[in-house]
Amino acid sequence: MSEKFKHNRRKFEYQGRTIYEWEQSIEEINIFVQPPPGITSKMIACEITPTKLILGIKGNPPFIN
């Protein structure tokens, strides 16, 4: 992790569970996600473009959009 990330992570929680955490600077953002137990990488739906981020579990509404 670079020196520019001296910021504290911020977190988004839902029903007492941390859904994701992030930290950011002017140049970049880091997002940290801990999937629920039993979820494999093949079950994750992720789309990243210059203007949007969509992340979720395939077949379900995304939890980041």
PDB file of N, CA and C in Angstrom:
ATOM      1  N   MET A   1       0.849  -1.170   0.000  1.00  0.00           N
ATOM      2  CA  MET A   1       0.000   0.000   0.000  1.00  0.00           C
ATOM      3  C   MET A   1       0.892   1.230   0.000  1.00  0.00           C
ATOM      4  N   SER A   2       0.557   2.204  -0.814  1.00  0.00           N
ATOM      5  CA  SER A   2       1.408   3.378  -0.962  1.00  0.00           C
ATOM      6  C   SER A   2       1.233   4.361   0.186  1.00  0.00           C
ATOM      7  N   GLU A   3       2.165   5.295   0.259  1.00  0.00           N
ATOM      8  CA  GLU A   3       2.147   6.302   1.318  1.00  0.00           C
ATOM      9  C   GLU A   3       0.921   7.208   1.234  1.00  0.00           C
ATOM     10  N   LYS A   4       0.347   7.358   0.051  1.00  0.00           N
ATOM     11  CA  LYS A   4      -0.798   8.263  -0.079  1.00  0.00           C
ATOM     12  C   LYS A   4      -2.049   7.719   0.605  1.00  0.00           C
ATOM     13  N   PHE A   5      -2.034   6.443   1.013  1.00  0.00           N
ATOM     14  CA  PHE A   5      -3.183   5.867   1.695  1.00  0.00           C
ATOM     15  C   PHE A   5      -2.981   5.857   3.204  1.00  0.00           C
ATOM     16  N   LYS A   6      -2.861   7.025   3.770  1.00  0.00           N
ATOM     17  CA  LYS A   6      -2.787   7.175   5.215  1.00  0.00           C
ATOM     18  C   LYS A   6      -4.182   7.415   5.784  1.00  0.00           C
ATOM     19  N   HIS A   7      -5.194   7.407   4.930  1.00  0.00           N
ATOM     20  CA  HIS A   7      -6.576   7.635   5.348  1.00  0.00           C
ATOM     21  C   HIS A   7      -7.122   6.386   6.026  1.00  0.00           C
ATOM     22  N   ASN A   8      -8.101   6.576   6.843  1.00  0.00           N
ATOM     23  CA  ASN A   8      -8.790   5.433   7.442  1.00  0.00           C
ATOM     24  C   ASN A   8      -9.740   4.834   6.427  1.00  0.00           C
ATOM     25  N   ARG A   9      -9.906   3.531   6.513  1.00  0.00           N
ATOM     26  CA  ARG A   9     -10.909   2.894   5.673  1.00  0.00           C
ATOM     27  C   ARG A   9     -12.281   3.336   6.139  1.00  0.00           C
ATOM     28  N   ARG A  10     -13.154   3.530   5.182  1.00  0.00           N
ATOM     29  CA  ARG A  10     -14.557   3.793   5.473  1.00  0.00           C
ATOM     30  C   ARG A  10     -15.300   2.508   5.190  1.00  0.00           C
ATOM     31  N   LYS A  11     -16.419   2.307   5.865  1.00  0.00           N
ATOM     32  CA  LYS A  11     -17.135   1.060   5.625  1.00  0.00           C
ATOM     33  C   LYS A  11     -18.620   1.300   5.435  1.00  0.00           C
ATOM     34  N   PHE A  12     -19.211   0.413   4.642  1.00  0.00           N
ATOM     35  CA  PHE A  12     -20.651   0.392   4.439  1.00  0.00           C
ATOM     36  C   PHE A  12     -21.163  -0.870   5.110  1.00  0.00           C
ATOM     37  N   GLU A  13     -22.089  -0.700   6.042  1.00  0.00           N
ATOM     38  CA  GLU A  13     -22.657  -1.826   6.766  1.00  0.00           C
ATOM     39  C   GLU A  13     -24.152  -1.941   6.487  1.00  0.00           C
ATOM     40  N   TYR A  14     -24.654  -3.166   6.522  1.00  0.00           N
ATOM     41  CA  TYR A  14     -26.077  -3.428   6.351  1.00  0.00           C
ATOM     42  C   TYR A  14     -26.468  -4.523   7.329  1.00  0.00           C
ATOM     43  N   GLN A  15     -27.462  -4.271   8.139  1.00  0.00           N
ATOM     44  CA  GLN A  15     -27.953  -5.211   9.148  1.00  0.00           C
ATOM     45  C   GLN A  15     -26.807  -5.757  10.005  1.00  0.00           C
ATOM     46  N   GLY A  16     -25.907  -4.859  10.405  1.00  0.00           N
ATOM     47  CA  GLY A  16     -24.806  -5.222  11.287  1.00  0.00           C
ATOM     48  C   GLY A  16     -23.643  -5.931  10.633  1.00  0.00           C
ATOM     49  N   ARG A  17     -23.678  -6.089   9.312  1.00  0.00           N
ATOM     50  CA  ARG A  17     -22.605  -6.783   8.583  1.00  0.00           C
ATOM     51  C   ARG A  17     -21.895  -5.792   7.682  1.00  0.00           C
ATOM     52  N   THR A  18     -20.572  -5.815   7.687  1.00  0.00           N
ATOM     53  CA  THR A  18     -19.814  -4.956   6.775  1.00  0.00           C
ATOM     54  C   THR A  18     -19.932  -5.529   5.374  1.00  0.00           C
ATOM     55  N   ILE A  19     -20.468  -4.747   4.452  1.00  0.00           N
ATOM     56  CA  ILE A  19     -20.643  -5.178   3.064  1.00  0.00           C
ATOM     57  C   ILE A  19     -19.367  -4.923   2.274  1.00  0.00           C
ATOM     58  N   TYR A  20     -18.799  -3.722   2.442  1.00  0.00           N
ATOM     59  CA  TYR A  20     -17.513  -3.410   1.819  1.00  0.00           C
ATOM     60  C   TYR A  20     -16.860  -2.263   2.566  1.00  0.00           C
ATOM     61  N   GLU A  21     -15.560  -2.123   2.349  1.00  0.00           N
ATOM     62  CA  GLU A  21     -14.796  -1.009   2.898  1.00  0.00           C
ATOM     63  C   GLU A  21     -14.043  -0.360   1.744  1.00  0.00           C
ATOM     64  N   TRP A  22     -13.720   0.926   1.895  1.00  0.00           N
ATOM     65  CA  TRP A  22     -12.952   1.599   0.855  1.00  0.00           C
ATOM     66  C   TRP A  22     -12.070   2.676   1.455  1.00  0.00           C
ATOM     67  N   GLU A  23     -11.039   2.992   0.708  1.00  0.00           N
ATOM     68  CA  GLU A  23     -10.180   4.130   1.016  1.00  0.00           C
ATOM     69  C   GLU A  23      -9.817   4.757  -0.316  1.00  0.00           C
ATOM     70  N   GLN A  24      -9.637   6.075  -0.313  1.00  0.00           N
ATOM     71  CA  GLN A  24      -9.413   6.737  -1.583  1.00  0.00           C
ATOM     72  C   GLN A  24      -8.512   7.948  -1.445  1.00  0.00           C
ATOM     73  N   SER A  25      -7.929   8.298  -2.581  1.00  0.00           N
ATOM     74  CA  SER A  25      -7.151   9.521  -2.721  1.00  0.00           C
ATOM     75  C   SER A  25      -7.634  10.183  -4.007  1.00  0.00           C
ATOM     76  N   ILE A  26      -6.997  11.259  -4.383  1.00  0.00           N
ATOM     77  CA  ILE A  26      -7.339  11.924  -5.650  1.00  0.00           C
ATOM     78  C   ILE A  26      -7.071  10.999  -6.834  1.00  0.00           C
ATOM     79  N   GLU A  27      -6.027  10.190  -6.748  1.00  0.00           N
ATOM     80  CA  GLU A  27      -5.607   9.362  -7.885  1.00  0.00           C
ATOM     81  C   GLU A  27      -6.289   8.003  -7.980  1.00  0.00           C
ATOM     82  N   GLU A  28      -6.644   7.406  -6.841  1.00  0.00           N
ATOM     83  CA  GLU A  28      -7.169   6.046  -6.904  1.00  0.00           C
ATOM     84  C   GLU A  28      -8.064   5.734  -5.719  1.00  0.00           C
ATOM     85  N   ILE A  29      -8.773   4.621  -5.870  1.00  0.00           N
ATOM     86  CA  ILE A  29      -9.632   4.120  -4.792  1.00  0.00           C
ATOM     87  C   ILE A  29      -9.383   2.624  -4.654  1.00  0.00           C
ATOM     88  N   ASN A  30      -9.376   2.150  -3.432  1.00  0.00           N
ATOM     89  CA  ASN A  30      -9.261   0.721  -3.143  1.00  0.00           C
ATOM     90  C   ASN A  30     -10.536   0.288  -2.449  1.00  0.00           C
ATOM     91  N   ILE A  31     -11.126  -0.798  -2.950  1.00  0.00           N
ATOM     92  CA  ILE A  31     -12.351  -1.343  -2.367  1.00  0.00           C
ATOM     93  C   ILE A  31     -12.037  -2.740  -1.855  1.00  0.00           C
ATOM     94  N   PHE A  32     -12.477  -3.028  -0.633  1.00  0.00           N
ATOM     95  CA  PHE A  32     -12.219  -4.305   0.012  1.00  0.00           C
ATOM     96  C   PHE A  32     -13.548  -4.991   0.273  1.00  0.00           C
ATOM     97  N   VAL A  33     -13.682  -6.230  -0.223  1.00  0.00           N
ATOM     98  CA  VAL A  33     -14.927  -6.977  -0.084  1.00  0.00           C
ATOM     99  C   VAL A  33     -14.600  -8.362   0.471  1.00  0.00           C
ATOM    100  N   GLN A  34     -15.312  -8.763   1.509  1.00  0.00           N
ATOM    101  CA  GLN A  34     -15.202 -10.116   2.053  1.00  0.00           C
ATOM    102  C   GLN A  34     -16.502 -10.834   1.722  1.00  0.00           C
ATOM    103  N   PRO A  35     -16.494 -11.731   0.729  1.00  0.00           N
ATOM    104  CA  PRO A  35     -17.748 -12.398   0.362  1.00  0.00           C
ATOM    105  C   PRO A  35     -18.258 -13.297   1.490  1.00  0.00           C
ATOM    106  N   PRO A  36     -19.549 -13.570   1.483  1.00  0.00           N
ATOM    107  CA  PRO A  36     -20.116 -14.463   2.500  1.00  0.00           C
ATOM    108  C   PRO A  36     -19.499 -15.864   2.398  1.00  0.00           C
ATOM    109  N   PRO A  37     -19.537 -16.626   3.478  1.00  0.00           N
ATOM    110  CA  PRO A  37     -19.013 -18.000   3.425  1.00  0.00           C
ATOM    111  C   PRO A  37     -19.693 -18.796   2.325  1.00  0.00           C
ATOM    112  N   GLY A  38     -18.908 -19.602   1.620  1.00  0.00           N
ATOM    113  CA  GLY A  38     -19.441 -20.459   0.565  1.00  0.00           C
ATOM    114  C   GLY A  38     -19.505 -19.813  -0.810  1.00  0.00           C
ATOM    115  N   ILE A  39     -19.251 -18.512  -0.902  1.00  0.00           N
ATOM    116  CA  ILE A  39     -19.278 -17.826  -2.197  1.00  0.00           C
ATOM    117  C   ILE A  39     -17.892 -17.937  -2.836  1.00  0.00           C
ATOM    118  N   THR A  40     -17.849 -18.471  -4.042  1.00  0.00           N
ATOM    119  CA  THR A  40     -16.585 -18.614  -4.757  1.00  0.00           C
ATOM    120  C   THR A  40     -16.435 -17.494  -5.781  1.00  0.00           C
ATOM    121  N   SER A  41     -15.245 -17.355  -6.323  1.00  0.00           N
ATOM    122  CA  SER A  41     -14.994 -16.294  -7.301  1.00  0.00           C
ATOM    123  C   SER A  41     -15.864 -16.448  -8.544  1.00  0.00           C
ATOM    124  N   LYS A  42     -16.221 -17.664  -8.915  1.00  0.00           N
ATOM    125  CA  LYS A  42     -17.064 -17.884 -10.096  1.00  0.00           C
ATOM    126  C   LYS A  42     -18.503 -17.431  -9.877  1.00  0.00           C
ATOM    127  N   MET A  43     -18.876 -17.195  -8.631  1.00  0.00           N
ATOM    128  CA  MET A  43     -20.231 -16.759  -8.304  1.00  0.00           C
ATOM    129  C   MET A  43     -20.351 -15.237  -8.250  1.00  0.00           C
ATOM    130  N   ILE A  44     -19.231 -14.544  -8.354  1.00  0.00           N
ATOM    131  CA  ILE A  44     -19.202 -13.087  -8.254  1.00  0.00           C
ATOM    132  C   ILE A  44     -19.453 -12.458  -9.625  1.00  0.00           C
ATOM    133  N   ALA A  45     -20.320 -11.459  -9.664  1.00  0.00           N
ATOM    134  CA  ALA A  45     -20.567 -10.663 -10.869  1.00  0.00           C
ATOM    135  C   ALA A  45     -19.902  -9.305 -10.652  1.00  0.00           C
ATOM    136  N   CYS A  46     -18.997  -8.934 -11.532  1.00  0.00           N
ATOM    137  CA  CYS A  46     -18.263  -7.680 -11.382  1.00  0.00           C
ATOM    138  C   CYS A  46     -18.104  -7.012 -12.747  1.00  0.00           C
ATOM    139  N   GLU A  47     -18.477  -5.739 -12.813  1.00  0.00           N
ATOM    140  CA  GLU A  47     -18.304  -4.946 -14.037  1.00  0.00           C
ATOM    141  C   GLU A  47     -17.672  -3.615 -13.636  1.00  0.00           C
ATOM    142  N   ILE A  48     -16.519  -3.322 -14.222  1.00  0.00           N
ATOM    143  CA  ILE A  48     -15.817  -2.069 -13.942  1.00  0.00           C
ATOM    144  C   ILE A  48     -15.597  -1.339 -15.259  1.00  0.00           C
ATOM    145  N   THR A  49     -16.077  -0.100 -15.325  1.00  0.00           N
ATOM    146  CA  THR A  49     -15.850   0.762 -16.482  1.00  0.00           C
ATOM    147  C   THR A  49     -15.320   2.099 -15.950  1.00  0.00           C
ATOM    148  N   PRO A  50     -14.924   3.015 -16.833  1.00  0.00           N
ATOM    149  CA  PRO A  50     -14.460   4.319 -16.349  1.00  0.00           C
ATOM    150  C   PRO A  50     -15.515   5.107 -15.571  1.00  0.00           C
ATOM    151  N   THR A  51     -16.798   4.775 -15.751  1.00  0.00           N
ATOM    152  CA  THR A  51     -17.847   5.566 -15.095  1.00  0.00           C
ATOM    153  C   THR A  51     -18.698   4.798 -14.094  1.00  0.00           C
ATOM    154  N   LYS A  52     -18.475   3.479 -13.941  1.00  0.00           N
ATOM    155  CA  LYS A  52     -19.310   2.743 -13.001  1.00  0.00           C
ATOM    156  C   LYS A  52     -18.616   1.491 -12.481  1.00  0.00           C
ATOM    157  N   LEU A  53     -19.131   1.041 -11.353  1.00  0.00           N
ATOM    158  CA  LEU A  53     -18.705  -0.208 -10.731  1.00  0.00           C
ATOM    159  C   LEU A  53     -19.960  -0.946 -10.313  1.00  0.00           C
ATOM    160  N   ILE A  54     -20.104  -2.177 -10.777  1.00  0.00           N
ATOM    161  CA  ILE A  54     -21.222  -3.027 -10.381  1.00  0.00           C
ATOM    162  C   ILE A  54     -20.621  -4.303  -9.804  1.00  0.00           C
ATOM    163  N   LEU A  55     -21.050  -4.639  -8.584  1.00  0.00           N
ATOM    164  CA  LEU A  55     -20.494  -5.808  -7.907  1.00  0.00           C
ATOM    165  C   LEU A  55     -21.599  -6.515  -7.143  1.00  0.00           C
ATOM    166  N   GLY A  56     -21.666  -7.824  -7.300  1.00  0.00           N
ATOM    167  CA  GLY A  56     -22.672  -8.594  -6.593  1.00  0.00           C
ATOM    168  C   GLY A  56     -22.466 -10.075  -6.789  1.00  0.00           C
ATOM    169  N   ILE A  57     -23.474 -10.833  -6.440  1.00  0.00           N
ATOM    170  CA  ILE A  57     -23.470 -12.276  -6.627  1.00  0.00           C
ATOM    171  C   ILE A  57     -24.391 -12.575  -7.800  1.00  0.00           C
ATOM    172  N   LYS A  58     -23.904 -13.368  -8.748  1.00  0.00           N
ATOM    173  CA  LYS A  58     -24.675 -13.676  -9.954  1.00  0.00           C
ATOM    174  C   LYS A  58     -26.085 -14.133  -9.596  1.00  0.00           C
ATOM    175  N   GLY A  59     -27.059 -13.631 -10.350  1.00  0.00           N
ATOM    176  CA  GLY A  59     -28.447 -14.001 -10.145  1.00  0.00           C
ATOM    177  C   GLY A  59     -29.160 -13.187  -9.072  1.00  0.00           C
ATOM    178  N   ASN A  60     -28.460 -12.246  -8.443  1.00  0.00           N
ATOM    179  CA  ASN A  60     -29.032 -11.400  -7.402  1.00  0.00           C
ATOM    180  C   ASN A  60     -28.782  -9.936  -7.758  1.00  0.00           C
ATOM    181  N   PRO A  61     -29.566  -9.026  -7.173  1.00  0.00           N
ATOM    182  CA  PRO A  61     -29.291  -7.606  -7.404  1.00  0.00           C
ATOM    183  C   PRO A  61     -27.888  -7.246  -6.875  1.00  0.00           C
ATOM    184  N   PRO A  62     -27.176  -6.356  -7.561  1.00  0.00           N
ATOM    185  CA  PRO A  62     -25.835  -5.986  -7.097  1.00  0.00           C
ATOM    186  C   PRO A  62     -25.906  -5.228  -5.760  1.00  0.00           C
ATOM    187  N   PHE A  63     -24.869  -5.383  -4.943  1.00  0.00           N
ATOM    188  CA  PHE A  63     -24.834  -4.615  -3.697  1.00  0.00           C
ATOM    189  C   PHE A  63     -23.995  -3.361  -3.835  1.00  0.00           C
ATOM    190  N   ILE A  64     -23.250  -3.240  -4.925  1.00  0.00           N
ATOM    191  CA  ILE A  64     -22.603  -1.970  -5.291  1.00  0.00           C
ATOM    192  C   ILE A  64     -23.014  -1.696  -6.726  1.00  0.00           C
ATOM    193  N   ASN A  65     -23.577  -0.514  -6.968  1.00  0.00           N
ATOM    194  CA  ASN A  65     -23.956  -0.113  -8.311  1.00  0.00           C
ATOM    195  C   ASN A  65     -23.782   1.395  -8.405  1.00  0.00           C
TER     196      ASN A  65
END
